[in-house]
PDB file of N, CA and C in Angstrom:
ATOM      1  N   MET A   1     -21.298 -25.677  13.149  1.00  0.00           N
ATOM      2  CA  MET A   1     -22.243 -24.839  12.457  1.00  0.00           C
ATOM      3  C   MET A   1     -22.204 -23.416  12.988  1.00  0.00           C
ATOM      4  N   LEU A   2     -22.114 -23.280  14.305  1.00  0.00           N
ATOM      5  CA  LEU A   2     -22.067 -21.956  14.914  1.00  0.00           C
ATOM      6  C   LEU A   2     -20.823 -21.205  14.459  1.00  0.00           C
ATOM      7  N   LEU A   3     -19.692 -21.898  14.382  1.00  0.00           N
ATOM      8  CA  LEU A   3     -18.452 -21.270  13.927  1.00  0.00           C
ATOM      9  C   LEU A   3     -18.593 -20.773  12.495  1.00  0.00           C
ATOM     10  N   THR A   4     -19.210 -21.552  11.644  1.00  0.00           N
ATOM     11  CA  THR A   4     -19.417 -21.142  10.262  1.00  0.00           C
ATOM     12  C   THR A   4     -20.247 -19.870  10.180  1.00  0.00           C
ATOM     13  N   CYS A   5     -21.284 -19.783  10.989  1.00  0.00           N
ATOM     14  CA  CYS A   5     -22.128 -18.589  10.987  1.00  0.00           C
ATOM     15  C   CYS A   5     -21.366 -17.375  11.481  1.00  0.00           C
ATOM     16  N   ALA A   6     -20.529 -17.554  12.495  1.00  0.00           N
ATOM     17  CA  ALA A   6     -19.752 -16.441  13.044  1.00  0.00           C
ATOM     18  C   ALA A   6     -18.760 -15.928  12.007  1.00  0.00           C
ATOM     19  N   VAL A   7     -18.111 -16.828  11.322  1.00  0.00           N
ATOM     20  CA  VAL A   7     -17.146 -16.420  10.299  1.00  0.00           C
ATOM     21  C   VAL A   7     -17.857 -15.732   9.141  1.00  0.00           C
ATOM     22  N   ALA A   8     -19.006 -16.217   8.776  1.00  0.00           N
ATOM     23  CA  ALA A   8     -19.734 -15.644   7.647  1.00  0.00           C
ATOM     24  C   ALA A   8     -20.213 -14.228   7.930  1.00  0.00           C
ATOM     25  N   THR A   9     -20.422 -13.887   9.198  1.00  0.00           N
ATOM     26  CA  THR A   9     -20.916 -12.552   9.518  1.00  0.00           C
ATOM     27  C   THR A   9     -19.806 -11.561   9.839  1.00  0.00           C
ATOM     28  N   MET A  10     -18.561 -12.015   9.870  1.00  0.00           N
ATOM     29  CA  MET A  10     -17.447 -11.104  10.127  1.00  0.00           C
ATOM     30  C   MET A  10     -17.262 -10.195   8.921  1.00  0.00           C
ATOM     31  N   PRO A  11     -16.994  -8.899   9.146  1.00  0.00           N
ATOM     32  CA  PRO A  11     -16.792  -8.008   8.005  1.00  0.00           C
ATOM     33  C   PRO A  11     -15.514  -8.369   7.258  1.00  0.00           C
ATOM     34  N   ALA A  12     -15.558  -8.232   5.967  1.00  0.00           N
ATOM     35  CA  ALA A  12     -14.381  -8.516   5.150  1.00  0.00           C
ATOM     36  C   ALA A  12     -13.396  -7.364   5.253  1.00  0.00           C
ATOM     37  N   VAL A  13     -12.127  -7.704   5.312  1.00  0.00           N
ATOM     38  CA  VAL A  13     -11.083  -6.687   5.344  1.00  0.00           C
ATOM     39  C   VAL A  13     -10.747  -6.335   3.906  1.00  0.00           C
ATOM     40  N   ALA A  14     -10.727  -5.066   3.610  1.00  0.00           N
ATOM     41  CA  ALA A  14     -10.425  -4.627   2.248  1.00  0.00           C
ATOM     42  C   ALA A  14      -8.979  -4.949   1.907  1.00  0.00           C
ATOM     43  N   ALA A  15      -8.760  -5.446   0.732  1.00  0.00           N
ATOM     44  CA  ALA A  15      -7.403  -5.740   0.290  1.00  0.00           C
ATOM     45  C   ALA A  15      -6.674  -4.446  -0.020  1.00  0.00           C
ATOM     46  N   ALA A  16      -5.379  -4.485   0.177  1.00  0.00           N
ATOM     47  CA  ALA A  16      -4.566  -3.309  -0.115  1.00  0.00           C
ATOM     48  C   ALA A  16      -4.621  -3.011  -1.602  1.00  0.00           C
ATOM     49  N   ALA A  17      -4.589  -1.744  -1.943  1.00  0.00           N
ATOM     50  CA  ALA A  17      -4.624  -1.318  -3.337  1.00  0.00           C
ATOM     51  C   ALA A  17      -3.454  -0.376  -3.595  1.00  0.00           C
ATOM     52  N   PRO A  18      -2.240  -0.924  -3.673  1.00  0.00           N
ATOM     53  CA  PRO A  18      -1.088  -0.047  -3.857  1.00  0.00           C
ATOM     54  C   PRO A  18      -1.092   0.633  -5.217  1.00  0.00           C
ATOM     55  N   ILE A  19      -0.551   1.852  -5.246  1.00  0.00           N
ATOM     56  CA  ILE A  19      -0.385   2.562  -6.509  1.00  0.00           C
ATOM     57  C   ILE A  19       0.754   1.905  -7.289  1.00  0.00           C
ATOM     58  N   ALA A  20       1.702   1.283  -6.555  1.00  0.00           N
ATOM     59  CA  ALA A  20       2.809   0.572  -7.192  1.00  0.00           C
ATOM     60  C   ALA A  20       3.474  -0.346  -6.180  1.00  0.00           C
ATOM     61  N   THR A  21       3.998  -1.473  -6.669  1.00  0.00           N
ATOM     62  CA  THR A  21       4.870  -2.334  -5.882  1.00  0.00           C
ATOM     63  C   THR A  21       6.149  -2.470  -6.683  1.00  0.00           C
ATOM     64  N   LEU A  22       7.250  -2.061  -6.067  1.00  0.00           N
ATOM     65  CA  LEU A  22       8.538  -2.007  -6.747  1.00  0.00           C
ATOM     66  C   LEU A  22       9.472  -3.076  -6.209  1.00  0.00           C
ATOM     67  N   ASP A  23      10.352  -3.601  -7.066  1.00  0.00           N
ATOM     68  CA  ASP A  23      11.382  -4.544  -6.634  1.00  0.00           C
ATOM     69  C   ASP A  23      12.695  -3.786  -6.534  1.00  0.00           C
ATOM     70  N   ARG A  24      13.276  -3.811  -5.348  1.00  0.00           N
ATOM     71  CA  ARG A  24      14.562  -3.151  -5.117  1.00  0.00           C
ATOM     72  C   ARG A  24      15.532  -4.180  -4.555  1.00  0.00           C
ATOM     73  N   ASN A  25      16.304  -4.811  -5.457  1.00  0.00           N
ATOM     74  CA  ASN A  25      17.314  -5.799  -5.079  1.00  0.00           C
ATOM     75  C   ASN A  25      16.729  -6.933  -4.243  1.00  0.00           C
ATOM     76  N   GLY A  26      15.578  -7.441  -4.632  1.00  0.00           N
ATOM     77  CA  GLY A  26      14.947  -8.548  -3.929  1.00  0.00           C
ATOM     78  C   GLY A  26      13.999  -8.135  -2.819  1.00  0.00           C
ATOM     79  N   SER A  27      13.985  -6.873  -2.467  1.00  0.00           N
ATOM     80  CA  SER A  27      13.027  -6.358  -1.483  1.00  0.00           C
ATOM     81  C   SER A  27      11.876  -5.704  -2.232  1.00  0.00           C
ATOM     82  N   LEU A  28      10.674  -5.935  -1.770  1.00  0.00           N
ATOM     83  CA  LEU A  28       9.493  -5.340  -2.390  1.00  0.00           C
ATOM     84  C   LEU A  28       9.084  -4.105  -1.604  1.00  0.00           C
ATOM     85  N   VAL A  29       8.787  -3.030  -2.316  1.00  0.00           N
ATOM     86  CA  VAL A  29       8.363  -1.771  -1.709  1.00  0.00           C
ATOM     87  C   VAL A  29       6.986  -1.446  -2.274  1.00  0.00           C
ATOM     88  N   SER A  30       5.996  -1.403  -1.392  1.00  0.00           N
ATOM     89  CA  SER A  30       4.621  -1.113  -1.796  1.00  0.00           C
ATOM     90  C   SER A  30       4.250   0.289  -1.338  1.00  0.00           C
ATOM     91  N   ILE A  31       3.706   1.092  -2.258  1.00  0.00           N
ATOM     92  CA  ILE A  31       3.279   2.459  -1.967  1.00  0.00           C
ATOM     93  C   ILE A  31       1.758   2.496  -2.083  1.00  0.00           C
ATOM     94  N   GLU A  32       1.095   2.857  -0.985  1.00  0.00           N
ATOM     95  CA  GLU A  32      -0.367   2.825  -0.933  1.00  0.00           C
ATOM     96  C   GLU A  32      -0.901   4.130  -0.331  1.00  0.00           C
ATOM     97  N   PRO A  33      -1.358   5.068  -1.176  1.00  0.00           N
ATOM     98  CA  PRO A  33      -1.880   6.342  -0.657  1.00  0.00           C
ATOM     99  C   PRO A  33      -3.278   6.196  -0.063  1.00  0.00           C
ATOM    100  N   TYR A  34      -3.521   6.989   0.975  1.00  0.00           N
ATOM    101  CA  TYR A  34      -4.837   7.040   1.613  1.00  0.00           C
ATOM    102  C   TYR A  34      -5.461   8.420   1.504  1.00  0.00           C
ATOM    103  N   ALA A  35      -4.649   9.440   1.335  1.00  0.00           N
ATOM    104  CA  ALA A  35      -5.090  10.831   1.219  1.00  0.00           C
ATOM    105  C   ALA A  35      -3.904  11.612   0.667  1.00  0.00           C
ATOM    106  N   PRO A  36      -4.081  12.887   0.318  1.00  0.00           N
ATOM    107  CA  PRO A  36      -2.963  13.664  -0.224  1.00  0.00           C
ATOM    108  C   PRO A  36      -1.752  13.746   0.712  1.00  0.00           C
ATOM    109  N   ASN A  37      -1.956  13.602   2.025  1.00  0.00           N
ATOM    110  CA  ASN A  37      -0.836  13.705   2.960  1.00  0.00           C
ATOM    111  C   ASN A  37      -0.642  12.440   3.795  1.00  0.00           C
ATOM    112  N   ILE A  38      -1.239  11.327   3.374  1.00  0.00           N
ATOM    113  CA  ILE A  38      -1.098  10.057   4.096  1.00  0.00           C
ATOM    114  C   ILE A  38      -0.760   8.958   3.097  1.00  0.00           C
ATOM    115  N   VAL A  39       0.357   8.266   3.347  1.00  0.00           N
ATOM    116  CA  VAL A  39       0.767   7.175   2.470  1.00  0.00           C
ATOM    117  C   VAL A  39       1.306   6.037   3.338  1.00  0.00           C
ATOM    118  N   ARG A  40       0.955   4.822   2.968  1.00  0.00           N
ATOM    119  CA  ARG A  40       1.458   3.633   3.668  1.00  0.00           C
ATOM    120  C   ARG A  40       2.555   3.032   2.805  1.00  0.00           C
ATOM    121  N   VAL A  41       3.728   2.836   3.405  1.00  0.00           N
ATOM    122  CA  VAL A  41       4.857   2.225   2.711  1.00  0.00           C
ATOM    123  C   VAL A  41       5.151   0.897   3.403  1.00  0.00           C
ATOM    124  N   THR A  42       5.175  -0.182   2.634  1.00  0.00           N
ATOM    125  CA  THR A  42       5.499  -1.501   3.175  1.00  0.00           C
ATOM    126  C   THR A  42       6.742  -1.999   2.467  1.00  0.00           C
ATOM    127  N   ILE A  43       7.728  -2.438   3.246  1.00  0.00           N
ATOM    128  CA  ILE A  43       8.964  -2.990   2.693  1.00  0.00           C
ATOM    129  C   ILE A  43       9.105  -4.406   3.236  1.00  0.00           C
ATOM    130  N   ALA A  44       9.225  -5.386   2.341  1.00  0.00           N
ATOM    131  CA  ALA A  44       9.334  -6.784   2.768  1.00  0.00           C
ATOM    132  C   ALA A  44       9.996  -7.600   1.665  1.00  0.00           C
ATOM    133  N   THR A  45      10.477  -8.776   2.038  1.00  0.00           N
ATOM    134  CA  THR A  45      11.005  -9.699   1.039  1.00  0.00           C
ATOM    135  C   THR A  45       9.972 -10.764   0.681  1.00  0.00           C
ATOM    136  N   ASP A  46       8.911 -10.848   1.457  1.00  0.00           N
ATOM    137  CA  ASP A  46       7.846 -11.828   1.251  1.00  0.00           C
ATOM    138  C   ASP A  46       6.637 -11.147   0.608  1.00  0.00           C
ATOM    139  N   ARG A  47       6.224 -11.610  -0.544  1.00  0.00           N
ATOM    140  CA  ARG A  47       5.111 -11.013  -1.282  1.00  0.00           C
ATOM    141  C   ARG A  47       3.818 -10.999  -0.451  1.00  0.00           C
ATOM    142  N   THR A  48       3.581 -12.018   0.368  1.00  0.00           N
ATOM    143  CA  THR A  48       2.350 -12.042   1.159  1.00  0.00           C
ATOM    144  C   THR A  48       2.315 -10.907   2.182  1.00  0.00           C
ATOM    145  N   GLN A  49       3.468 -10.504   2.698  1.00  0.00           N
ATOM    146  CA  GLN A  49       3.501  -9.381   3.638  1.00  0.00           C
ATOM    147  C   GLN A  49       3.213  -8.063   2.934  1.00  0.00           C
ATOM    148  N   VAL A  50       3.709  -7.911   1.734  1.00  0.00           N
ATOM    149  CA  VAL A  50       3.474  -6.680   0.970  1.00  0.00           C
ATOM    150  C   VAL A  50       2.005  -6.575   0.566  1.00  0.00           C
ATOM    151  N   ASP A  51       1.387  -7.700   0.235  1.00  0.00           N
ATOM    152  CA  ASP A  51      -0.009  -7.708  -0.206  1.00  0.00           C
ATOM    153  C   ASP A  51      -1.012  -7.719   0.950  1.00  0.00           C
ATOM    154  N   ALA A  52      -0.543  -7.908   2.179  1.00  0.00           N
ATOM    155  CA  ALA A  52      -1.446  -7.997   3.335  1.00  0.00           C
ATOM    156  C   ALA A  52      -2.088  -6.645   3.641  1.00  0.00           C
ATOM    157  N   PRO A  53      -3.323  -6.668   4.146  1.00  0.00           N
ATOM    158  CA  PRO A  53      -3.975  -5.408   4.535  1.00  0.00           C
ATOM    159  C   PRO A  53      -3.312  -4.835   5.782  1.00  0.00           C
ATOM    160  N   PRO A  54      -3.557  -3.576   6.081  1.00  0.00           N
ATOM    161  CA  PRO A  54      -3.001  -2.979   7.298  1.00  0.00           C
ATOM    162  C   PRO A  54      -3.495  -3.724   8.537  1.00  0.00           C
ATOM    163  N   GLY A  55      -2.749  -3.594   9.622  1.00  0.00           N
ATOM    164  CA  GLY A  55      -3.126  -4.231  10.885  1.00  0.00           C
ATOM    165  C   GLY A  55      -4.181  -3.430  11.621  1.00  0.00           C
ATOM    166  N   GLU A  56      -4.172  -3.563  12.934  1.00  0.00           N
ATOM    167  CA  GLU A  56      -5.145  -2.882  13.787  1.00  0.00           C
ATOM    168  C   GLU A  56      -5.030  -1.369  13.649  1.00  0.00           C
ATOM    169  N   GLY A  57      -6.113  -0.691  13.848  1.00  0.00           N
ATOM    170  CA  GLY A  57      -6.116   0.769  13.793  1.00  0.00           C
ATOM    171  C   GLY A  57      -7.306   1.267  13.000  1.00  0.00           C
ATOM    172  N   PRO A  58      -7.291   2.526  12.644  1.00  0.00           N
ATOM    173  CA  PRO A  58      -8.399   3.087  11.855  1.00  0.00           C
ATOM    174  C   PRO A  58      -8.573   2.315  10.549  1.00  0.00           C
ATOM    175  N   ASN A  59      -9.788   2.144  10.135  1.00  0.00           N
ATOM    176  CA  ASN A  59     -10.099   1.377   8.931  1.00  0.00           C
ATOM    177  C   ASN A  59     -10.356   2.289   7.742  1.00  0.00           C
ATOM    178  N   ALA A  60      -9.362   3.031   7.349  1.00  0.00           N
ATOM    179  CA  ALA A  60      -9.477   3.895   6.176  1.00  0.00           C
ATOM    180  C   ALA A  60      -9.369   3.043   4.918  1.00  0.00           C
ATOM    181  N   LYS A  61      -9.850   3.575   3.821  1.00  0.00           N
ATOM    182  CA  LYS A  61      -9.751   2.887   2.539  1.00  0.00           C
ATOM    183  C   LYS A  61      -8.693   3.588   1.700  1.00  0.00           C
ATOM    184  N   PRO A  62      -7.867   2.819   0.976  1.00  0.00           N
ATOM    185  CA  PRO A  62      -6.875   3.435   0.101  1.00  0.00           C
ATOM    186  C   PRO A  62      -7.553   4.324  -0.934  1.00  0.00           C
ATOM    187  N   ASP A  63      -6.925   5.455  -1.231  1.00  0.00           N
ATOM    188  CA  ASP A  63      -7.469   6.402  -2.209  1.00  0.00           C
ATOM    189  C   ASP A  63      -6.309   7.109  -2.899  1.00  0.00           C
ATOM    190  N   ALA A  64      -6.059   6.753  -4.139  1.00  0.00           N
ATOM    191  CA  ALA A  64      -4.945   7.331  -4.890  1.00  0.00           C
ATOM    192  C   ALA A  64      -5.349   8.569  -5.686  1.00  0.00           C
ATOM    193  N   THR A  65      -6.525   9.121  -5.408  1.00  0.00           N
ATOM    194  CA  THR A  65      -6.983  10.313  -6.116  1.00  0.00           C
ATOM    195  C   THR A  65      -5.984  11.448  -5.926  1.00  0.00           C
ATOM    196  N   GLY A  66      -5.534  12.024  -7.031  1.00  0.00           N
ATOM    197  CA  GLY A  66      -4.603  13.146  -6.967  1.00  0.00           C
ATOM    198  C   GLY A  66      -3.138  12.751  -6.880  1.00  0.00           C
ATOM    199  N   TRP A  67      -2.839  11.477  -6.797  1.00  0.00           N
ATOM    200  CA  TRP A  67      -1.455  11.005  -6.734  1.00  0.00           C
ATOM    201  C   TRP A  67      -0.950  10.680  -8.141  1.00  0.00           C
ATOM    202  N   THR A  68       0.330  10.936  -8.377  1.00  0.00           N
ATOM    203  CA  THR A  68       0.969  10.578  -9.643  1.00  0.00           C
ATOM    204  C   THR A  68       2.188   9.714  -9.354  1.00  0.00           C
ATOM    205  N   HIS A  69       2.601   8.927 -10.338  1.00  0.00           N
ATOM    206  CA  HIS A  69       3.771   8.059 -10.232  1.00  0.00           C
ATOM    207  C   HIS A  69       4.615   8.254 -11.481  1.00  0.00           C
ATOM    208  N   ARG A  70       5.880   8.623 -11.263  1.00  0.00           N
ATOM    209  CA  ARG A  70       6.828   8.786 -12.374  1.00  0.00           C
ATOM    210  C   ARG A  70       8.034   7.892 -12.127  1.00  0.00           C
ATOM    211  N   SER A  71       8.423   7.129 -13.142  1.00  0.00           N
ATOM    212  CA  SER A  71       9.659   6.353 -13.087  1.00  0.00           C
ATOM    213  C   SER A  71      10.744   7.173 -13.751  1.00  0.00           C
ATOM    214  N   GLU A  72      11.832   7.398 -13.009  1.00  0.00           N
ATOM    215  CA  GLU A  72      12.950   8.195 -13.513  1.00  0.00           C
ATOM    216  C   GLU A  72      14.238   7.403 -13.329  1.00  0.00           C
ATOM    217  N   ALA A  73      15.330   7.897 -13.878  1.00  0.00           N
ATOM    218  CA  ALA A  73      16.616   7.213 -13.757  1.00  0.00           C
ATOM    219  C   ALA A  73      17.036   7.049 -12.298  1.00  0.00           C
ATOM    220  N   GLY A  74      16.742   8.032 -11.466  1.00  0.00           N
ATOM    221  CA  GLY A  74      17.145   7.986 -10.059  1.00  0.00           C
ATOM    222  C   GLY A  74      16.202   7.204  -9.168  1.00  0.00           C
ATOM    223  N   GLY A  75      15.046   6.802  -9.683  1.00  0.00           N
ATOM    224  CA  GLY A  75      14.084   6.058  -8.874  1.00  0.00           C
ATOM    225  C   GLY A  75      12.663   6.342  -9.298  1.00  0.00           C
ATOM    226  N   ASP A  76      11.751   6.015  -8.423  1.00  0.00           N
ATOM    227  CA  ASP A  76      10.329   6.235  -8.672  1.00  0.00           C
ATOM    228  C   ASP A  76       9.832   7.340  -7.759  1.00  0.00           C
ATOM    229  N   ALA A  77       9.138   8.323  -8.333  1.00  0.00           N
ATOM    230  CA  ALA A  77       8.620   9.455  -7.567  1.00  0.00           C
ATOM    231  C   ALA A  77       7.102   9.373  -7.516  1.00  0.00           C
ATOM    232  N   PHE A  78       6.569   9.498  -6.313  1.00  0.00           N
ATOM    233  CA  PHE A  78       5.129   9.504  -6.071  1.00  0.00           C
ATOM    234  C   PHE A  78       4.798  10.866  -5.493  1.00  0.00           C
ATOM    235  N   ALA A  79       3.802  11.548  -6.048  1.00  0.00           N
ATOM    236  CA  ALA A  79       3.514  12.908  -5.593  1.00  0.00           C
ATOM    237  C   ALA A  79       2.017  13.168  -5.529  1.00  0.00           C
ATOM    238  N   SER A  80       1.660  13.987  -4.548  1.00  0.00           N
ATOM    239  CA  SER A  80       0.305  14.520  -4.433  1.00  0.00           C
ATOM    240  C   SER A  80       0.471  16.022  -4.265  1.00  0.00           C
ATOM    241  N   GLY A  81      -0.611  16.733  -4.071  1.00  0.00           N
ATOM    242  CA  GLY A  81      -0.519  18.167  -3.837  1.00  0.00           C
ATOM    243  C   GLY A  81       0.110  18.504  -2.496  1.00  0.00           C
ATOM    244  N   ALA A  82       0.209  17.516  -1.592  1.00  0.00           N
ATOM    245  CA  ALA A  82       0.708  17.767  -0.240  1.00  0.00           C
ATOM    246  C   ALA A  82       2.097  17.204   0.034  1.00  0.00           C
ATOM    247  N   MET A  83       2.543  16.207  -0.738  1.00  0.00           N
ATOM    248  CA  MET A  83       3.840  15.603  -0.443  1.00  0.00           C
ATOM    249  C   MET A  83       4.409  14.880  -1.652  1.00  0.00           C
ATOM    250  N   THR A  84       5.712  14.579  -1.565  1.00  0.00           N
ATOM    251  CA  THR A  84       6.405  13.789  -2.579  1.00  0.00           C
ATOM    252  C   THR A  84       7.202  12.701  -1.869  1.00  0.00           C
ATOM    253  N   LEU A  85       7.157  11.497  -2.416  1.00  0.00           N
ATOM    254  CA  LEU A  85       7.890  10.360  -1.875  1.00  0.00           C
ATOM    255  C   LEU A  85       8.719   9.780  -3.008  1.00  0.00           C
ATOM    256  N   THR A  86      10.010   9.574  -2.768  1.00  0.00           N
ATOM    257  CA  THR A  86      10.884   9.002  -3.785  1.00  0.00           C
ATOM    258  C   THR A  86      11.458   7.691  -3.275  1.00  0.00           C
ATOM    259  N   VAL A  87      11.366   6.642  -4.101  1.00  0.00           N
ATOM    260  CA  VAL A  87      11.992   5.358  -3.807  1.00  0.00           C
ATOM    261  C   VAL A  87      13.188   5.270  -4.741  1.00  0.00           C
ATOM    262  N   ASN A  88      14.390   5.363  -4.166  1.00  0.00           N
ATOM    263  CA  ASN A  88      15.607   5.360  -4.972  1.00  0.00           C
ATOM    264  C   ASN A  88      15.733   4.074  -5.777  1.00  0.00           C
ATOM    265  N   ALA A  89      16.446   4.149  -6.882  1.00  0.00           N
ATOM    266  CA  ALA A  89      16.611   3.017  -7.798  1.00  0.00           C
ATOM    267  C   ALA A  89      17.785   2.130  -7.402  1.00  0.00           C
ATOM    268  N   GLN A  90      18.133   2.072  -6.176  1.00  0.00           N
ATOM    269  CA  GLN A  90      19.287   1.287  -5.710  1.00  0.00           C
ATOM    270  C   GLN A  90      18.988  -0.179  -5.669  1.00  0.00           C
TER     271      GLN A  90
END
């Protein structure tokens, strides 16, 4: 009973909210912006790893405000006012 109460009072970890998850030859690439100049990129072959929340560290919340995503022949481009990230179409 005590264990149940302890688990029930633990704060919930926010699920990742990627702007996009791309398949690149069997590898999954997840792009998750947090601010105009902060982006989390996860590369894995296991879907559960790509969907997992960030590990230990600051508990920021994903925020895609101001980010855009364009699919082009050469790959996918993600841009904010502060940076651009391109995932090649290889």
